[in-house]
Protein backbone atom coordinates (compact mmCIF):
# COMPACT_ATOMS: atom_id res chain seq x y z
CA MET A 1 77.17 69.33 104.61
CA SER A 2 75.21 72.10 102.88
CA TYR A 3 76.49 75.63 102.30
CA LEU A 4 74.17 76.99 105.03
CA GLU A 5 75.11 74.25 107.56
CA TYR A 6 78.82 74.86 106.94
CA ASN A 7 78.49 78.60 107.45
CA VAL A 8 76.40 78.23 110.61
CA LYS A 9 78.99 75.86 112.05
CA HIS A 10 82.08 77.87 111.15
CA THR A 11 81.09 81.54 111.49
CA PRO A 12 81.34 83.72 114.64
CA THR A 13 78.36 84.16 116.93
CA GLY A 14 77.27 86.73 119.51
CA LEU A 15 79.76 89.35 120.61
CA ALA A 16 82.52 87.54 118.73
CA LYS A 17 81.08 89.04 115.54
CA VAL A 18 82.19 92.52 116.63
CA LEU A 19 85.80 91.37 116.72
CA HIS A 20 85.60 90.28 113.09
CA ILE A 21 84.25 93.58 111.75
CA ASN A 22 86.67 95.01 109.20
CA TRP A 23 87.71 97.97 111.36
CA ALA A 24 90.28 99.12 108.81
CA LEU A 25 87.43 99.72 106.37
CA VAL A 26 85.47 101.60 109.05
CA VAL A 27 88.43 103.90 109.74
CA LEU A 28 88.94 104.60 106.03
CA LEU A 29 85.26 105.45 105.51
CA VAL A 30 85.31 107.80 108.51
CA ALA A 31 88.43 109.47 107.08
CA VAL A 32 86.78 110.01 103.69
CA ALA A 33 83.60 111.35 105.29
CA SER A 34 85.69 113.70 107.46
CA VAL A 35 87.16 115.22 104.30
CA GLY A 36 83.57 115.85 103.22
CA PHE A 37 82.69 117.53 106.52
CA LEU A 38 85.74 119.77 106.21
CA MET A 39 84.88 120.84 102.66
CA LEU A 40 81.20 121.38 103.43
CA TYR A 41 82.23 123.64 106.32
CA SER A 42 84.38 125.59 103.88
CA VAL A 43 81.81 126.01 101.12
CA ALA A 44 79.21 127.02 103.73
CA GLY A 45 81.45 129.91 104.77
CA GLY A 46 82.06 128.50 108.24
CA ASN A 47 78.39 127.83 109.01
CA PRO A 48 78.18 124.22 110.26
CA ALA A 49 74.38 124.26 110.52
CA LEU A 50 73.94 124.69 106.77
CA TRP A 51 75.41 121.45 105.43
CA VAL A 52 77.91 119.97 107.88
CA GLU A 53 75.59 119.05 110.73
CA PRO A 54 72.94 117.37 108.52
CA GLN A 55 75.71 115.49 106.72
CA MET A 56 77.27 114.32 109.98
CA LYS A 57 73.90 113.05 111.21
CA ARG A 58 73.37 111.18 107.95
CA PHE A 59 76.80 109.61 108.14
CA ALA A 60 76.23 108.56 111.77
CA VAL A 61 73.00 106.85 110.72
CA GLY A 62 74.77 105.31 107.71
CA LEU A 63 77.58 104.02 109.92
CA ALA A 64 75.03 102.41 112.25
CA VAL A 65 73.23 100.88 109.26
CA MET A 66 76.53 99.48 107.96
CA LEU A 67 77.37 97.83 111.28
CA ILE A 68 73.85 96.44 111.74
CA VAL A 69 73.81 95.01 108.21
CA GLY A 70 77.30 93.63 108.81
CA LEU A 71 76.19 91.69 111.89
CA VAL A 72 73.40 89.93 109.95
CA PRO A 73 74.51 86.63 108.35
CA LEU A 74 75.41 86.90 104.67
CA TRP A 75 73.16 83.99 103.72
CA PHE A 76 70.19 86.14 104.80
CA TRP A 77 71.19 88.92 102.40
CA ARG A 78 71.67 86.35 99.65
CA SER A 79 68.10 85.11 100.20
CA MET A 80 66.84 88.71 100.12
CA SER A 81 68.58 89.60 96.84
CA GLY A 82 65.61 88.81 94.60
CA LEU A 83 63.19 90.71 96.83
CA ALA A 84 65.52 93.73 97.01
CA TYR A 85 65.74 93.80 93.21
CA ALA A 86 61.96 93.49 92.81
CA VAL A 87 61.31 96.29 95.31
CA SER A 88 63.76 98.62 93.58
CA VAL A 89 62.10 98.00 90.21
CA ILE A 90 58.65 98.63 91.72
CA LEU A 91 59.89 101.88 93.26
CA LEU A 92 61.35 102.96 89.91
CA LEU A 93 57.97 102.25 88.30
CA ALA A 94 56.29 104.27 91.07
CA VAL A 95 58.50 107.23 90.17
CA GLU A 96 56.98 107.13 86.67
CA PHE A 97 53.52 107.82 88.11
CA PHE A 98 54.00 109.47 91.50
CA GLY A 99 57.53 110.86 91.43
CA ALA A 100 58.36 114.36 92.61
CA ILE A 101 59.85 116.68 89.99
CA GLY A 102 62.95 118.73 90.67
CA MET A 103 65.46 120.47 88.41
CA GLY A 104 63.63 119.23 85.32
CA ALA A 105 63.71 115.55 86.29
CA GLN A 106 61.29 113.15 87.96
CA ARG A 107 63.57 111.09 90.21
CA TRP A 108 62.23 111.15 93.77
CA LEU A 109 59.42 109.66 95.83
CA GLU A 110 57.99 111.74 98.67
CA LEU A 111 57.37 109.33 101.57
CA GLY A 112 56.26 111.65 104.35
CA PRO A 113 59.35 113.42 105.71
CA ILE A 114 61.63 111.17 103.61
CA ARG A 115 62.58 111.99 100.04
CA LEU A 116 63.77 108.76 98.44
CA GLN A 117 65.66 108.38 95.17
CA PRO A 118 64.92 104.79 94.05
CA SER A 119 67.57 104.84 91.34
CA GLU A 120 70.22 104.95 94.08
CA LEU A 121 68.73 101.84 95.68
CA ALA A 122 68.78 100.16 92.26
CA LYS A 123 72.57 100.35 92.19
CA ILE A 124 72.99 98.09 95.21
CA SER A 125 70.00 95.84 94.42
CA VAL A 126 71.44 95.11 90.97
CA ILE A 127 74.75 94.13 92.57
CA MET A 128 72.94 91.85 95.03
CA ALA A 129 70.83 90.26 92.30
CA MET A 130 73.81 89.71 90.02
CA ALA A 131 75.90 88.19 92.83
CA ALA A 132 73.07 85.81 93.74
CA TYR A 133 72.49 84.96 90.08
CA TYR A 134 76.10 84.04 89.38
CA ASP A 135 76.37 82.21 92.68
CA TRP A 136 73.38 80.09 91.58
CA LEU A 137 74.54 79.63 87.99
CA ASP A 138 76.90 76.81 87.08
CA VAL A 139 80.33 78.34 86.40
CA ARG A 140 80.50 76.46 83.11
CA LYS A 141 77.41 78.35 81.87
CA THR A 142 78.71 81.82 82.73
CA SER A 143 79.54 82.73 79.11
CA HIS A 144 76.67 80.87 77.44
CA PRO A 145 74.68 83.40 75.34
CA LEU A 146 71.35 82.52 76.98
CA TRP A 147 72.62 83.08 80.53
CA VAL A 148 74.50 86.22 79.49
CA LEU A 149 71.22 87.54 78.08
CA VAL A 150 69.50 86.90 81.43
CA ALA A 151 72.22 88.91 83.20
CA VAL A 152 71.89 91.73 80.69
CA ALA A 153 68.14 91.84 81.30
CA ILE A 154 68.66 92.06 85.07
CA VAL A 155 70.84 95.14 84.57
CA ALA A 156 68.98 96.72 81.66
CA LEU A 157 65.52 96.98 83.26
CA PRO A 158 66.40 99.34 86.15
CA ALA A 159 68.86 101.21 83.92
CA PHE A 160 66.11 101.85 81.35
CA LEU A 161 63.64 103.01 84.01
CA THR A 162 66.29 105.34 85.45
CA LEU A 163 67.11 106.76 82.03
CA ARG A 164 63.45 107.66 81.54
CA GLN A 165 63.45 109.99 84.57
CA PRO A 166 65.80 111.24 82.96
CA ASP A 167 68.96 110.48 84.94
CA LEU A 168 71.73 109.60 82.51
CA GLY A 169 74.50 109.59 85.14
CA THR A 170 72.81 107.08 87.47
CA ALA A 171 71.70 104.92 84.53
CA LEU A 172 75.31 104.73 83.35
CA LEU A 173 76.45 103.79 86.86
CA ILE A 174 73.86 100.98 87.01
CA LEU A 175 75.03 99.70 83.63
CA GLY A 176 78.66 100.05 84.67
CA GLY A 177 78.08 98.24 87.96
CA GLY A 178 76.26 95.42 86.19
CA GLY A 179 79.03 95.17 83.60
CA LEU A 180 81.65 94.92 86.33
CA MET A 181 79.67 92.14 88.01
CA MET A 182 79.66 90.20 84.73
CA PHE A 183 83.40 90.75 84.41
CA PHE A 184 84.05 89.61 87.99
CA ALA A 185 81.89 86.53 87.39
CA GLY A 186 84.11 85.52 84.47
CA VAL A 187 81.98 86.32 81.42
CA SER A 188 84.03 86.01 78.23
CA LEU A 189 85.88 89.17 77.18
CA TRP A 190 84.48 88.75 73.68
CA TYR A 191 81.14 89.99 74.96
CA PHE A 192 82.76 93.14 76.34
CA GLY A 193 84.47 93.71 72.99
CA GLY A 194 81.06 93.47 71.34
CA VAL A 195 79.64 95.94 73.82
CA LEU A 196 82.41 98.42 73.06
CA ALA A 197 81.76 98.10 69.34
CA GLY A 198 78.03 98.45 69.89
CA GLY A 199 78.62 101.42 72.17
CA GLY A 200 80.49 103.17 69.39
CA GLY A 201 77.57 102.57 67.07
CA LEU A 202 75.11 103.80 69.71
CA ILE A 203 77.07 107.02 70.16
CA ALA A 204 76.93 107.60 66.42
CA LEU A 205 73.17 106.90 66.49
CA VAL A 206 72.67 109.34 69.37
CA PHE A 207 74.35 112.15 67.43
CA ALA A 208 72.43 111.22 64.29
CA SER A 209 69.14 111.48 66.20
CA ARG A 210 69.74 115.09 67.25
CA GLY A 211 67.03 117.38 66.00
CA THR A 212 64.84 114.55 64.71
CA GLU A 213 61.48 113.28 65.95
CA TRP A 214 63.18 110.24 67.46
CA GLN A 215 65.88 112.17 69.35
CA LEU A 216 67.42 109.82 71.92
CA LEU A 217 68.64 112.39 74.46
CA LYS A 218 67.13 115.53 75.93
CA ASP A 219 68.32 118.89 74.60
CA TYR A 220 70.10 119.73 77.87
CA GLN A 221 71.99 116.43 77.67
CA PHE A 222 73.20 117.30 74.16
CA ARG A 223 74.30 120.70 75.47
CA ARG A 224 76.34 118.93 78.14
CA ILE A 225 78.05 116.87 75.46
CA ASP A 226 78.74 120.03 73.43
CA SER A 227 80.27 121.74 76.45
CA PHE A 228 82.39 118.67 77.11
CA LEU A 229 83.76 118.65 73.56
CA ASP A 230 84.29 122.42 73.52
CA PRO A 231 83.89 124.17 76.91
CA ALA A 232 84.47 127.55 75.28
CA LEU A 233 81.50 127.12 72.94
CA ASP A 234 79.03 128.50 75.50
CA PRO A 235 81.06 129.75 78.49
CA LEU A 236 78.10 131.44 80.17
CA GLY A 237 75.60 128.70 79.40
CA ALA A 238 76.12 124.97 79.00
CA GLY A 239 79.89 125.31 79.38
CA TYR A 240 79.73 127.42 82.54
CA HIS A 241 80.02 124.53 85.00
CA ILE A 242 83.11 122.96 83.50
CA ASN A 243 84.83 126.28 82.80
CA GLN A 244 84.49 127.40 86.42
CA ALA A 245 85.60 123.98 87.61
CA MET A 246 88.73 124.13 85.46
CA ILE A 247 89.55 127.59 86.81
CA ALA A 248 89.26 126.29 90.37
CA LEU A 249 91.39 123.23 89.62
CA GLY A 250 94.09 125.28 87.91
CA SER A 251 94.24 127.99 90.56
CA GLY A 252 94.86 125.44 93.31
CA GLY A 253 98.31 124.61 91.99
CA TRP A 254 100.48 122.21 93.99
CA SER A 255 99.44 123.00 97.57
CA GLY A 256 96.31 125.15 97.14
CA ARG A 257 95.17 128.57 98.27
CA GLY A 258 94.50 127.45 101.84
CA PHE A 259 91.48 126.32 103.82
CA MET A 260 88.44 128.54 103.19
CA GLN A 261 90.51 130.70 100.82
CA GLY A 262 89.13 129.37 97.54
CA THR A 263 87.79 132.30 95.53
CA GLN A 264 85.71 130.19 93.15
CA SER A 265 83.62 128.71 95.94
CA ARG A 266 83.60 131.66 98.34
CA LEU A 267 82.46 134.03 95.59
CA ASN A 268 79.89 131.50 94.34
CA PHE A 269 81.37 131.06 90.89
CA LEU A 270 81.31 127.28 91.32
CA PRO A 271 77.92 125.71 90.61
CA GLU A 272 76.71 122.89 92.88
CA LYS A 273 79.76 123.55 95.05
CA HIS A 274 78.45 121.40 97.90
CA THR A 275 77.37 118.43 95.76
CA ASP A 276 78.69 117.36 92.35
CA PHE A 277 81.53 119.90 92.13
CA ILE A 278 82.86 119.74 95.68
CA PHE A 279 86.11 118.13 94.47
CA THR A 280 87.02 121.37 92.69
CA THR A 281 86.78 123.23 96.01
CA LEU A 282 89.10 120.67 97.59
CA ALA A 283 91.58 121.03 94.72
CA GLU A 284 91.47 124.84 94.86
CA GLU A 285 92.02 125.04 98.61
CA PHE A 286 94.45 122.12 99.05
CA GLY A 287 95.85 121.80 95.53
CA PHE A 288 97.21 118.67 93.90
CA VAL A 289 98.32 117.34 97.28
CA GLY A 290 94.80 117.52 98.70
CA GLY A 291 93.16 115.99 95.65
CA ALA A 292 95.74 113.20 95.48
CA SER A 293 95.33 112.48 99.20
CA LEU A 294 91.60 111.97 98.80
CA LEU A 295 92.27 109.69 95.83
CA VAL A 296 94.68 107.65 97.97
CA LEU A 297 91.96 107.23 100.61
CA TYR A 298 89.52 106.05 97.95
CA LEU A 299 92.04 103.57 96.54
CA ALA A 300 92.76 102.30 100.07
CA VAL A 301 89.05 101.55 100.46
CA ILE A 302 89.10 99.62 97.17
CA ALA A 303 92.26 97.72 98.16
CA THR A 304 90.73 96.77 101.53
CA CYS A 305 87.68 95.38 99.76
CA VAL A 306 89.76 93.43 97.23
CA ILE A 307 91.75 91.82 100.05
CA ALA A 308 88.47 90.90 101.78
CA ALA A 309 87.17 89.38 98.52
CA ILE A 310 90.30 87.25 98.17
CA LYS A 311 89.83 85.94 101.71
CA ALA A 312 86.15 85.12 101.17
CA ARG A 313 85.27 81.45 101.09
CA ASN A 314 82.35 81.46 98.66
CA ARG A 315 81.40 82.92 95.31
CA PHE A 316 78.53 85.09 96.52
CA ALA A 317 80.68 86.78 99.18
CA SER A 318 83.49 87.50 96.73
CA LEU A 319 81.11 88.87 94.10
CA ILE A 320 79.19 91.08 96.52
CA ILE A 321 82.42 92.58 97.91
CA LEU A 322 83.87 93.21 94.46
CA GLY A 323 80.53 94.59 93.25
CA VAL A 324 80.30 97.12 96.09
CA ALA A 325 83.94 98.11 95.56
CA GLY A 326 83.38 98.46 91.82
CA ASN A 327 80.29 100.63 92.36
CA PHE A 328 82.25 102.82 94.78
CA PHE A 329 85.04 103.14 92.20
CA LEU A 330 82.59 104.21 89.49
CA TYR A 331 81.22 106.93 91.77
CA PHE A 332 84.49 108.72 92.37
CA ALA A 333 86.05 107.94 88.98
CA VAL A 334 83.10 109.41 87.06
CA ASN A 335 82.80 112.42 89.36
CA MET A 336 86.50 113.27 89.19
CA ALA A 337 86.61 112.75 85.43
CA MET A 338 83.54 114.96 85.08
CA VAL A 339 84.88 117.94 87.04
CA MET A 340 88.28 117.69 85.32
CA GLY A 341 86.71 117.86 81.87
CA LEU A 342 87.56 114.24 81.02
CA ALA A 343 83.88 113.21 80.81
CA PRO A 344 80.58 115.01 80.20
CA VAL A 345 78.79 116.49 83.21
CA VAL A 346 76.27 113.84 84.26
CA GLY A 347 75.46 114.70 87.87
CA VAL A 348 77.28 112.01 89.87
CA PRO A 349 78.16 112.87 93.51
CA LEU A 350 81.59 112.38 95.04
CA PRO A 351 81.01 109.44 97.43
CA LEU A 352 80.81 110.34 101.14
CA VAL A 353 82.10 113.85 100.37
CA SER A 354 79.28 115.47 98.39
CA TYR A 355 76.25 116.66 100.36
CA GLY A 356 73.30 114.30 100.05
CA GLY A 357 71.38 111.53 101.74
CA SER A 358 70.25 108.84 99.29
CA ALA A 359 73.68 108.18 97.79
CA MET A 360 75.37 108.09 101.21
CA MET A 361 72.82 105.65 102.65
CA VAL A 362 73.16 103.32 99.66
CA ILE A 363 76.96 103.43 99.81
CA MET A 364 76.95 102.62 103.53
CA LEU A 365 74.39 99.87 102.97
CA GLY A 366 76.72 98.40 100.35
CA PHE A 367 79.65 98.47 102.73
CA GLY A 368 77.38 96.81 105.29
CA LEU A 369 77.17 93.86 102.90
CA VAL A 370 80.96 93.88 102.69
CA GLN A 371 81.12 93.82 106.49
CA SER A 372 78.66 90.92 106.56
CA ALA A 373 80.93 88.97 104.23
CA CYS A 374 83.95 89.78 106.43
CA VAL A 375 82.25 88.99 109.73
CA HIS A 376 80.63 85.77 108.58
CA ARG A 377 83.56 84.41 106.62
CA PRO A 378 83.82 80.75 107.68
CA ARG A 379 86.57 80.26 110.24
CA GLU A 380 87.60 77.11 112.05
CA ARG A 381 86.56 77.38 115.69
CA PRO A 382 88.97 76.24 118.39
């Protein structure tokens, strides 16, 4: 019996699918998004029409997308993996020629009333392509240099196109997500050791290129690195973001100043207070307890996905679940490290909490794939 025949015979059909939706995951995602609504209400000064209402509408659409994707058989999404990857690469190429420019970067496509950021779509399409690739590949060939090189190429192409926009943060997330997929697939750890060694050499090369004709990063990206290494070097310029974030984090203390009582956000000292730096508002108003509570919710989402991956009956399902969970982890880990001064500022949103549409839709689409794996996990019928 083929893989497809087995799944058709042993997976739920009709209304029975609804019963097998991972409702624990749905509740956790709603809880995380609710934290975002609360903080957006605060940073908007109590005006729900500014950011809260649009964000709630986006989340409602995202929730519907997740459930719809979850009710579609997983084998369909596996068959669509190559097409999804190709479309994301084409859209990234389109950005090169037709992309809209904003804040010094060319990252968006204007499609009528919709403003699409293809690099966000690339995150999930890379996960899909890598899961399908390793599901197709013989397990014994996983660490063969030739097949490792193919996997690297799958990840490197969209990452390179994203870096050209320039969008260093998203490019790093694509590379990180691809690297996690290779790790989950069982690629030898020796390759990762080589990558770490090569990464050290690349960092040295990046610094050596500064001020030369072949400079590898933009000037503003170097200023971000400088402010990360020494935030006091330019407190009113490149170091302004991180300095104000650290003040907000420190002033929150154990239990915070109270809801809508954060001076850094209310007095507009915090930059991008509704997007990349919204975690600092949470920490200022609800302190360590509030920040830790959000982290617990995030970790609960990851744990729920890991449990679902363990229960999955096939390699593609396990890899797609772990890939989506890994991508979600990278989002909040990088954002929190960034606002706490543990990593350079690279413009990564806090998932389901920061204001924005493209990232939220992609995250919910990814969890839709997780739901599809949960719903269509083969089960013996009575």
